[in-house]
Amino acid sequence: AMQRSYVSVLLLLIVISCALAKDVGKKDSKDTTTKPKLPQTLSRGWGDQLIWTQTYEEALFRSKHSQKPLMIIHHLEDCPHSQALKKVFAEHKDIQKLAEKFILLNLVYETTDKNLAPDGQYVPRVLFIDPSLTVRADITGRYSNRLYAYEPSDISLLYSNMQKALKLLKTEL
């Protein structure tokens, strides 16, 4: 009897997934005219194998619910400093590994949240937010005039700041 019920559950799952697939197919063909397709990857080159959130709101929600800190990278596609930082970030094996412990978001536009620009709206800048949704203004880079800016040569500082963001979390929660 055990085996038969297992088979029927399996069949049910197959039927359900087929039905879902059909729905998705239908919806797609209708929506293409109204909405442009999102780019295939939200990483924008910062780490294609990492899971990136799509919006600030989604990132906050996920951080709160997973109790993981959030790392936000503000950058611009046509900014040479952003491009240079992106290259070293994406190629840094330890950073890519550590990044898996974060909720990740990279933005090419500013949000309305003033807390994400504590000292101005420059790029690239990297901010950390803890799961209590507090912007960690205390985790800074090495430039006093742009506290959250990192140059490619600061990549090891960014790495240690990521470690710091994770450590703070453990001691405070």
N, C-alpha and C. Protein backbone atom coordinates (compact mmCIF):
# COMPACT_ATOMS: atom_id res chain seq x y z
N ALA A 1 0.84 -1.20 0.00
CA ALA A 1 0.00 0.00 0.00
C ALA A 1 0.88 1.26 0.00
N MET A 2 1.95 1.18 0.77
CA MET A 2 2.88 2.31 0.87
C MET A 2 3.36 2.75 -0.52
N GLN A 3 3.74 1.77 -1.31
CA GLN A 3 4.31 2.08 -2.62
C GLN A 3 3.28 2.75 -3.53
N ARG A 4 2.03 2.26 -3.48
CA ARG A 4 1.00 2.79 -4.36
C ARG A 4 0.72 4.26 -4.04
N SER A 5 0.63 4.61 -2.76
CA SER A 5 0.34 6.00 -2.41
C SER A 5 1.50 6.90 -2.85
N TYR A 6 2.72 6.39 -2.78
CA TYR A 6 3.89 7.14 -3.20
C TYR A 6 3.79 7.45 -4.70
N VAL A 7 3.37 6.48 -5.48
CA VAL A 7 3.23 6.66 -6.92
C VAL A 7 2.16 7.71 -7.22
N SER A 8 1.02 7.64 -6.49
CA SER A 8 -0.05 8.59 -6.79
C SER A 8 0.36 10.02 -6.42
N VAL A 9 1.13 10.18 -5.35
CA VAL A 9 1.64 11.52 -4.98
C VAL A 9 2.56 12.04 -6.09
N LEU A 10 3.41 11.18 -6.58
CA LEU A 10 4.33 11.54 -7.64
C LEU A 10 3.56 11.99 -8.89
N LEU A 11 2.56 11.23 -9.25
CA LEU A 11 1.74 11.57 -10.42
C LEU A 11 1.08 12.93 -10.22
N LEU A 12 0.57 13.15 -9.02
CA LEU A 12 -0.09 14.41 -8.71
C LEU A 12 0.89 15.57 -8.90
N LEU A 13 2.11 15.39 -8.40
CA LEU A 13 3.12 16.44 -8.54
C LEU A 13 3.41 16.74 -10.01
N ILE A 14 3.50 15.69 -10.80
CA ILE A 14 3.77 15.86 -12.23
C ILE A 14 2.64 16.65 -12.88
N VAL A 15 1.40 16.28 -12.55
CA VAL A 15 0.23 16.97 -13.11
C VAL A 15 0.25 18.44 -12.72
N ILE A 16 0.51 18.70 -11.44
CA ILE A 16 0.53 20.09 -10.96
C ILE A 16 1.61 20.90 -11.68
N SER A 17 2.82 20.33 -11.79
CA SER A 17 3.89 21.11 -12.41
C SER A 17 3.62 21.36 -13.89
N CYS A 18 2.98 20.41 -14.55
CA CYS A 18 2.60 20.63 -15.96
C CYS A 18 1.60 21.77 -16.07
N ALA A 19 0.63 21.77 -15.16
CA ALA A 19 -0.40 22.81 -15.18
C ALA A 19 0.24 24.18 -14.94
N LEU A 20 1.17 24.25 -13.99
CA LEU A 20 1.85 25.51 -13.71
C LEU A 20 2.64 25.98 -14.92
N ALA A 21 3.34 25.06 -15.55
CA ALA A 21 4.14 25.40 -16.72
C ALA A 21 3.25 25.97 -17.83
N LYS A 22 2.06 25.37 -17.99
CA LYS A 22 1.13 25.86 -19.02
C LYS A 22 0.72 27.29 -18.72
N ASP A 23 0.38 27.55 -17.44
CA ASP A 23 -0.02 28.89 -17.04
C ASP A 23 1.06 29.92 -17.35
N VAL A 24 2.27 29.58 -16.96
CA VAL A 24 3.40 30.48 -17.18
C VAL A 24 3.55 30.78 -18.67
N GLY A 25 3.47 29.76 -19.47
CA GLY A 25 3.58 29.92 -20.92
C GLY A 25 2.53 30.87 -21.46
N LYS A 26 1.29 30.67 -21.00
CA LYS A 26 0.18 31.52 -21.45
C LYS A 26 0.43 32.97 -21.08
N LYS A 27 0.78 33.19 -19.79
CA LYS A 27 0.93 34.54 -19.30
C LYS A 27 2.03 35.27 -20.08
N ASP A 28 3.13 34.58 -20.33
CA ASP A 28 4.26 35.18 -21.02
C ASP A 28 3.87 35.79 -22.36
N SER A 29 3.15 35.02 -23.15
CA SER A 29 2.86 35.48 -24.51
C SER A 29 1.98 36.73 -24.47
N LYS A 30 1.13 36.83 -23.43
CA LYS A 30 0.25 37.99 -23.34
C LYS A 30 1.02 39.22 -22.87
N ASP A 31 1.92 39.02 -21.88
CA ASP A 31 2.59 40.15 -21.24
C ASP A 31 3.68 40.80 -22.09
N THR A 32 4.22 40.07 -23.05
CA THR A 32 5.39 40.59 -23.75
C THR A 32 5.10 41.93 -24.42
N THR A 33 3.86 42.14 -24.84
CA THR A 33 3.56 43.40 -25.53
C THR A 33 3.55 44.57 -24.54
N THR A 34 3.07 44.33 -23.31
CA THR A 34 2.94 45.44 -22.37
C THR A 34 4.22 45.74 -21.61
N LYS A 35 4.96 44.69 -21.20
CA LYS A 35 6.09 44.91 -20.32
C LYS A 35 7.38 44.44 -20.95
N PRO A 36 8.42 45.28 -20.93
CA PRO A 36 9.71 44.80 -21.46
C PRO A 36 10.23 43.68 -20.55
N LYS A 37 10.86 42.70 -21.14
CA LYS A 37 11.44 41.60 -20.36
C LYS A 37 12.58 42.11 -19.48
N LEU A 38 12.66 41.58 -18.27
CA LEU A 38 13.77 41.94 -17.38
C LEU A 38 15.04 41.29 -17.90
N PRO A 39 16.17 41.93 -17.65
CA PRO A 39 17.42 41.27 -18.06
C PRO A 39 17.53 39.93 -17.35
N GLN A 40 18.17 38.99 -18.01
CA GLN A 40 18.25 37.63 -17.51
C GLN A 40 18.93 37.58 -16.14
N THR A 41 19.88 38.47 -15.93
CA THR A 41 20.61 38.41 -14.66
C THR A 41 20.55 39.75 -13.94
N LEU A 42 20.30 39.67 -12.64
CA LEU A 42 20.26 40.88 -11.82
C LEU A 42 21.65 41.22 -11.29
N SER A 43 22.63 40.37 -11.60
CA SER A 43 23.97 40.57 -11.05
C SER A 43 24.66 41.76 -11.70
N ARG A 44 24.29 42.06 -12.94
CA ARG A 44 24.94 43.12 -13.73
C ARG A 44 26.46 42.97 -13.72
N GLY A 45 26.93 41.71 -13.59
CA GLY A 45 28.37 41.46 -13.66
C GLY A 45 29.10 41.45 -12.33
N TRP A 46 28.38 41.66 -11.22
CA TRP A 46 29.04 41.69 -9.91
C TRP A 46 29.24 40.30 -9.32
N GLY A 47 28.70 39.29 -9.98
CA GLY A 47 28.83 37.91 -9.48
C GLY A 47 27.66 37.12 -10.03
N ASP A 48 27.86 36.57 -11.22
CA ASP A 48 26.73 35.97 -11.94
C ASP A 48 26.18 34.73 -11.25
N GLN A 49 26.99 34.07 -10.40
CA GLN A 49 26.49 32.86 -9.77
C GLN A 49 25.86 33.17 -8.40
N LEU A 50 25.89 34.43 -7.99
CA LEU A 50 25.28 34.82 -6.72
C LEU A 50 23.81 35.14 -6.94
N ILE A 51 23.04 35.07 -5.86
CA ILE A 51 21.61 35.40 -5.95
C ILE A 51 21.44 36.88 -5.60
N TRP A 52 20.94 37.65 -6.55
CA TRP A 52 20.74 39.09 -6.35
C TRP A 52 19.26 39.39 -6.25
N THR A 53 18.90 40.32 -5.38
CA THR A 53 17.51 40.75 -5.31
C THR A 53 17.27 41.81 -6.37
N GLN A 54 16.00 42.04 -6.65
CA GLN A 54 15.64 42.93 -7.74
C GLN A 54 15.40 44.36 -7.28
N THR A 55 14.81 44.51 -6.08
CA THR A 55 14.47 45.85 -5.59
C THR A 55 14.94 46.02 -4.16
N TYR A 56 15.03 47.25 -3.73
CA TYR A 56 15.42 47.57 -2.36
C TYR A 56 14.40 46.99 -1.37
N GLU A 57 13.11 47.11 -1.72
CA GLU A 57 12.07 46.60 -0.84
C GLU A 57 12.19 45.09 -0.65
N GLU A 58 12.42 44.39 -1.77
CA GLU A 58 12.58 42.94 -1.70
C GLU A 58 13.80 42.58 -0.86
N ALA A 59 14.87 43.33 -1.03
CA ALA A 59 16.12 43.07 -0.30
C ALA A 59 15.91 43.24 1.21
N LEU A 60 15.20 44.32 1.60
CA LEU A 60 14.93 44.56 3.02
C LEU A 60 14.09 43.42 3.60
N PHE A 61 13.08 43.03 2.85
CA PHE A 61 12.19 41.95 3.29
C PHE A 61 12.99 40.66 3.50
N ARG A 62 13.83 40.34 2.53
CA ARG A 62 14.61 39.10 2.62
C ARG A 62 15.62 39.14 3.76
N SER A 63 16.23 40.31 3.97
CA SER A 63 17.21 40.45 5.04
C SER A 63 16.54 40.21 6.39
N LYS A 64 15.39 40.85 6.57
CA LYS A 64 14.66 40.74 7.83
C LYS A 64 14.26 39.29 8.09
N HIS A 65 13.76 38.63 7.06
CA HIS A 65 13.22 37.28 7.25
C HIS A 65 14.28 36.19 7.30
N SER A 66 15.41 36.43 6.66
CA SER A 66 16.47 35.40 6.68
C SER A 66 17.47 35.68 7.79
N GLN A 67 17.37 36.87 8.41
CA GLN A 67 18.35 37.31 9.41
C GLN A 67 19.76 37.37 8.83
N LYS A 68 19.87 37.66 7.54
CA LYS A 68 21.18 37.87 6.93
C LYS A 68 21.35 39.36 6.70
N PRO A 69 22.59 39.87 6.81
CA PRO A 69 22.79 41.29 6.50
C PRO A 69 22.65 41.53 5.00
N LEU A 70 22.35 42.76 4.68
CA LEU A 70 22.16 43.16 3.29
C LEU A 70 23.35 44.02 2.85
N MET A 71 23.86 43.72 1.67
CA MET A 71 24.94 44.54 1.10
C MET A 71 24.40 45.20 -0.16
N ILE A 72 24.45 46.51 -0.19
CA ILE A 72 23.95 47.27 -1.35
C ILE A 72 25.10 47.96 -2.05
N ILE A 73 25.21 47.72 -3.34
CA ILE A 73 26.25 48.36 -4.15
C ILE A 73 25.57 49.35 -5.10
N HIS A 74 25.84 50.61 -4.93
CA HIS A 74 25.36 51.62 -5.88
C HIS A 74 26.44 51.81 -6.93
N HIS A 75 26.06 51.75 -8.19
CA HIS A 75 27.05 51.89 -9.26
C HIS A 75 26.36 52.41 -10.51
N LEU A 76 27.14 52.74 -11.52
CA LEU A 76 26.57 53.15 -12.82
C LEU A 76 27.32 52.42 -13.91
N GLU A 77 26.59 52.01 -14.93
CA GLU A 77 27.19 51.23 -16.02
C GLU A 77 28.27 52.04 -16.76
N ASP A 78 28.10 53.36 -16.84
CA ASP A 78 29.06 54.14 -17.63
C ASP A 78 30.08 54.88 -16.75
N CYS A 79 30.21 54.44 -15.50
CA CYS A 79 31.18 55.05 -14.60
C CYS A 79 32.42 54.18 -14.52
N PRO A 80 33.58 54.70 -14.95
CA PRO A 80 34.80 53.88 -14.97
C PRO A 80 35.20 53.35 -13.58
N HIS A 81 34.92 54.13 -12.52
CA HIS A 81 35.24 53.69 -11.16
C HIS A 81 34.37 52.50 -10.77
N SER A 82 33.09 52.57 -11.13
CA SER A 82 32.17 51.46 -10.87
C SER A 82 32.63 50.21 -11.61
N GLN A 83 32.97 50.41 -12.87
CA GLN A 83 33.40 49.27 -13.70
C GLN A 83 34.66 48.61 -13.14
N ALA A 84 35.61 49.44 -12.70
CA ALA A 84 36.87 48.92 -12.16
C ALA A 84 36.62 48.13 -10.87
N LEU A 85 35.75 48.67 -9.99
CA LEU A 85 35.45 47.98 -8.74
C LEU A 85 34.71 46.67 -9.02
N LYS A 86 33.79 46.73 -9.96
CA LYS A 86 33.01 45.54 -10.32
C LYS A 86 33.93 44.41 -10.77
N LYS A 87 34.93 44.76 -11.57
CA LYS A 87 35.84 43.75 -12.11
C LYS A 87 36.59 43.02 -10.98
N VAL A 88 37.16 43.80 -10.05
CA VAL A 88 37.91 43.14 -8.97
C VAL A 88 36.99 42.41 -8.01
N PHE A 89 35.80 42.93 -7.81
CA PHE A 89 34.81 42.29 -6.93
C PHE A 89 34.40 40.93 -7.50
N ALA A 90 34.11 40.92 -8.79
CA ALA A 90 33.64 39.68 -9.44
C ALA A 90 34.75 38.63 -9.52
N GLU A 91 36.01 39.09 -9.59
CA GLU A 91 37.12 38.15 -9.74
C GLU A 91 37.73 37.72 -8.41
N HIS A 92 37.28 38.33 -7.31
CA HIS A 92 37.84 38.03 -5.99
C HIS A 92 37.12 36.81 -5.40
N LYS A 93 37.80 35.67 -5.41
CA LYS A 93 37.17 34.40 -5.02
C LYS A 93 36.60 34.45 -3.60
N ASP A 94 37.38 35.01 -2.66
CA ASP A 94 36.94 35.04 -1.26
C ASP A 94 35.72 35.93 -1.07
N ILE A 95 35.70 37.04 -1.78
CA ILE A 95 34.54 37.94 -1.69
C ILE A 95 33.30 37.26 -2.25
N GLN A 96 33.46 36.61 -3.39
CA GLN A 96 32.32 35.93 -4.01
C GLN A 96 31.77 34.84 -3.08
N LYS A 97 32.67 34.16 -2.39
CA LYS A 97 32.25 33.11 -1.44
C LYS A 97 31.52 33.73 -0.25
N LEU A 98 32.12 34.78 0.31
CA LEU A 98 31.54 35.44 1.48
C LEU A 98 30.19 36.09 1.14
N ALA A 99 30.08 36.55 -0.08
CA ALA A 99 28.85 37.25 -0.50
C ALA A 99 27.61 36.34 -0.41
N GLU A 100 27.84 35.02 -0.44
CA GLU A 100 26.72 34.09 -0.33
C GLU A 100 26.02 34.21 1.02
N LYS A 101 26.70 34.77 2.01
CA LYS A 101 26.11 34.91 3.35
C LYS A 101 25.28 36.19 3.49
N PHE A 102 25.22 36.97 2.42
CA PHE A 102 24.48 38.24 2.44
C PHE A 102 23.25 38.17 1.54
N ILE A 103 22.30 39.05 1.82
CA ILE A 103 21.29 39.38 0.83
C ILE A 103 21.98 40.45 -0.02
N LEU A 104 21.89 40.32 -1.34
CA LEU A 104 22.67 41.19 -2.23
C LEU A 104 21.79 42.03 -3.13
N LEU A 105 22.20 43.27 -3.32
CA LEU A 105 21.47 44.16 -4.23
C LEU A 105 22.49 45.10 -4.85
N ASN A 106 22.45 45.22 -6.17
CA ASN A 106 23.24 46.28 -6.81
C ASN A 106 22.26 47.17 -7.55
N LEU A 107 22.45 48.47 -7.43
CA LEU A 107 21.50 49.44 -7.97
C LEU A 107 22.19 50.42 -8.91
N VAL A 108 21.55 50.69 -10.03
CA VAL A 108 22.07 51.70 -10.95
C VAL A 108 21.19 52.97 -10.89
N TYR A 109 20.34 53.02 -9.86
CA TYR A 109 19.53 54.23 -9.65
C TYR A 109 19.43 54.42 -8.15
N GLU A 110 19.10 55.64 -7.72
CA GLU A 110 19.00 55.93 -6.29
C GLU A 110 17.60 55.56 -5.79
N THR A 111 17.53 55.10 -4.54
CA THR A 111 16.23 54.87 -3.93
C THR A 111 15.78 56.16 -3.27
N THR A 112 14.56 56.19 -2.78
CA THR A 112 14.09 57.39 -2.07
C THR A 112 14.53 57.37 -0.61
N ASP A 113 15.18 56.28 -0.18
CA ASP A 113 15.63 56.17 1.20
C ASP A 113 16.90 56.97 1.42
N LYS A 114 16.76 58.09 2.14
CA LYS A 114 17.90 58.99 2.38
C LYS A 114 19.00 58.30 3.19
N ASN A 115 18.64 57.25 3.96
CA ASN A 115 19.64 56.54 4.78
C ASN A 115 20.69 55.86 3.92
N LEU A 116 20.37 55.63 2.64
CA LEU A 116 21.32 54.96 1.76
C LEU A 116 22.31 55.94 1.14
N ALA A 117 22.15 57.22 1.45
CA ALA A 117 23.12 58.23 0.98
C ALA A 117 23.52 59.10 2.17
N PRO A 118 24.13 58.49 3.19
CA PRO A 118 24.44 59.25 4.41
C PRO A 118 25.34 60.45 4.14
N ASP A 119 26.22 60.33 3.13
CA ASP A 119 27.10 61.46 2.84
C ASP A 119 27.12 61.77 1.34
N GLY A 120 26.00 61.53 0.68
CA GLY A 120 25.89 61.92 -0.73
C GLY A 120 25.61 60.75 -1.65
N GLN A 121 25.19 61.10 -2.87
CA GLN A 121 24.80 60.09 -3.85
C GLN A 121 25.90 59.87 -4.88
N TYR A 122 27.05 59.39 -4.45
CA TYR A 122 28.14 59.13 -5.38
C TYR A 122 28.19 57.63 -5.68
N VAL A 123 28.88 57.28 -6.76
CA VAL A 123 29.11 55.87 -7.08
C VAL A 123 30.60 55.66 -7.36
N PRO A 124 31.12 54.46 -7.18
CA PRO A 124 30.42 53.37 -6.51
C PRO A 124 30.43 53.57 -5.00
N ARG A 125 29.37 53.15 -4.34
CA ARG A 125 29.39 53.13 -2.88
C ARG A 125 28.72 51.86 -2.39
N VAL A 126 29.21 51.35 -1.28
CA VAL A 126 28.75 50.07 -0.74
C VAL A 126 28.30 50.28 0.70
N LEU A 127 27.06 49.91 0.97
CA LEU A 127 26.51 50.06 2.32
C LEU A 127 26.00 48.72 2.82
N PHE A 128 26.07 48.55 4.13
CA PHE A 128 25.57 47.34 4.77
C PHE A 128 24.37 47.69 5.65
N ILE A 129 23.37 46.82 5.63
CA ILE A 129 22.17 47.00 6.44
C ILE A 129 21.97 45.72 7.23
N ASP A 130 21.72 45.85 8.53
CA ASP A 130 21.53 44.62 9.30
C ASP A 130 20.06 44.19 9.28
N PRO A 131 19.77 42.98 9.74
CA PRO A 131 18.39 42.47 9.65
C PRO A 131 17.36 43.24 10.48
N SER A 132 17.84 44.13 11.38
CA SER A 132 16.89 45.00 12.08
C SER A 132 16.57 46.20 11.18
N LEU A 133 17.10 46.16 9.95
CA LEU A 133 16.91 47.18 8.91
C LEU A 133 17.58 48.51 9.27
N THR A 134 18.68 48.41 9.98
CA THR A 134 19.48 49.59 10.32
C THR A 134 20.64 49.69 9.34
N VAL A 135 20.80 50.86 8.71
CA VAL A 135 21.96 51.08 7.86
C VAL A 135 23.19 51.20 8.75
N ARG A 136 24.21 50.36 8.47
CA ARG A 136 25.42 50.38 9.30
C ARG A 136 26.36 51.46 8.80
N ALA A 137 26.08 52.69 9.22
CA ALA A 137 26.91 53.82 8.80
C ALA A 137 28.31 53.73 9.40
N ASP A 138 28.49 52.78 10.33
CA ASP A 138 29.80 52.63 10.98
C ASP A 138 30.76 51.74 10.19
N ILE A 139 30.28 51.11 9.11
CA ILE A 139 31.17 50.28 8.29
C ILE A 139 31.57 51.08 7.06
N THR A 140 32.77 51.65 7.12
CA THR A 140 33.17 52.62 6.09
C THR A 140 34.46 52.21 5.38
N GLY A 141 34.67 52.85 4.24
CA GLY A 141 35.91 52.67 3.49
C GLY A 141 36.98 53.60 4.04
N ARG A 142 37.99 53.92 3.21
CA ARG A 142 39.13 54.67 3.75
C ARG A 142 39.11 56.17 3.39
N TYR A 143 38.07 56.64 2.71
CA TYR A 143 38.07 58.04 2.28
C TYR A 143 37.13 58.87 3.13
N SER A 144 37.68 59.91 3.77
CA SER A 144 36.85 60.69 4.70
C SER A 144 35.81 61.54 3.96
N ASN A 145 36.07 61.84 2.68
CA ASN A 145 35.11 62.67 1.96
C ASN A 145 34.02 61.82 1.27
N ARG A 146 34.27 60.53 1.13
CA ARG A 146 33.26 59.61 0.57
C ARG A 146 33.37 58.33 1.37
N LEU A 147 32.65 58.27 2.47
CA LEU A 147 32.85 57.21 3.45
C LEU A 147 32.59 55.80 2.93
N TYR A 148 31.72 55.68 1.93
CA TYR A 148 31.32 54.32 1.49
C TYR A 148 31.84 53.98 0.10
N ALA A 149 32.84 54.76 -0.34
CA ALA A 149 33.47 54.52 -1.64
C ALA A 149 34.61 53.53 -1.48
N TYR A 150 34.80 52.71 -2.50
CA TYR A 150 35.94 51.78 -2.52
C TYR A 150 36.56 51.85 -3.90
N GLU A 151 37.89 51.90 -3.93
CA GLU A 151 38.64 51.81 -5.18
C GLU A 151 39.02 50.34 -5.35
N PRO A 152 39.39 49.94 -6.58
CA PRO A 152 39.84 48.56 -6.76
C PRO A 152 40.95 48.17 -5.78
N SER A 153 41.83 49.11 -5.42
CA SER A 153 42.93 48.81 -4.50
C SER A 153 42.43 48.60 -3.06
N ASP A 154 41.16 48.93 -2.80
CA ASP A 154 40.59 48.77 -1.45
C ASP A 154 39.84 47.45 -1.31
N ILE A 155 40.03 46.53 -2.25
CA ILE A 155 39.19 45.34 -2.26
C ILE A 155 39.36 44.51 -0.99
N SER A 156 40.57 44.49 -0.42
CA SER A 156 40.75 43.71 0.82
C SER A 156 40.06 44.39 2.00
N LEU A 157 39.97 45.71 1.96
CA LEU A 157 39.22 46.44 3.00
C LEU A 157 37.72 46.12 2.87
N LEU A 158 37.25 46.09 1.65
CA LEU A 158 35.84 45.74 1.44
C LEU A 158 35.56 44.33 1.96
N TYR A 159 36.51 43.43 1.70
CA TYR A 159 36.37 42.05 2.18
C TYR A 159 36.31 42.03 3.71
N SER A 160 37.20 42.77 4.37
CA SER A 160 37.18 42.74 5.83
C SER A 160 35.93 43.45 6.37
N ASN A 161 35.41 44.44 5.64
CA ASN A 161 34.17 45.09 6.06
C ASN A 161 32.98 44.13 5.93
N MET A 162 33.02 43.26 4.93
CA MET A 162 31.97 42.25 4.80
C MET A 162 32.04 41.30 6.01
N GLN A 163 33.26 40.92 6.38
CA GLN A 163 33.42 40.05 7.55
C GLN A 163 32.92 40.74 8.82
N LYS A 164 33.20 42.04 8.89
CA LYS A 164 32.77 42.84 10.04
C LYS A 164 31.24 42.89 10.11
N ALA A 165 30.60 43.07 8.97
CA ALA A 165 29.14 43.12 8.94
C ALA A 165 28.54 41.81 9.45
N LEU A 166 29.18 40.70 9.10
CA LEU A 166 28.69 39.40 9.57
C LEU A 166 28.98 39.20 11.05
N LYS A 167 30.13 39.68 11.52
CA LYS A 167 30.49 39.53 12.94
C LYS A 167 29.59 40.36 13.83
N LEU A 168 29.33 41.61 13.41
CA LEU A 168 28.47 42.50 14.19
C LEU A 168 27.14 41.83 14.43
N LEU A 169 26.68 41.17 13.39
CA LEU A 169 25.41 40.49 13.42
C LEU A 169 25.38 39.45 14.54
N LYS A 170 26.44 38.65 14.59
CA LYS A 170 26.50 37.57 15.59
C LYS A 170 26.52 38.14 17.01
N THR A 171 27.24 39.24 17.20
CA THR A 171 27.38 39.76 18.56
C THR A 171 26.12 40.52 18.98
N GLU A 172 25.39 41.06 18.04
CA GLU A 172 24.27 41.91 18.43
C GLU A 172 22.92 41.21 18.51
N LEU A 173 22.78 40.08 17.78
CA LEU A 173 21.46 39.44 17.76
C LEU A 173 21.26 38.54 18.97
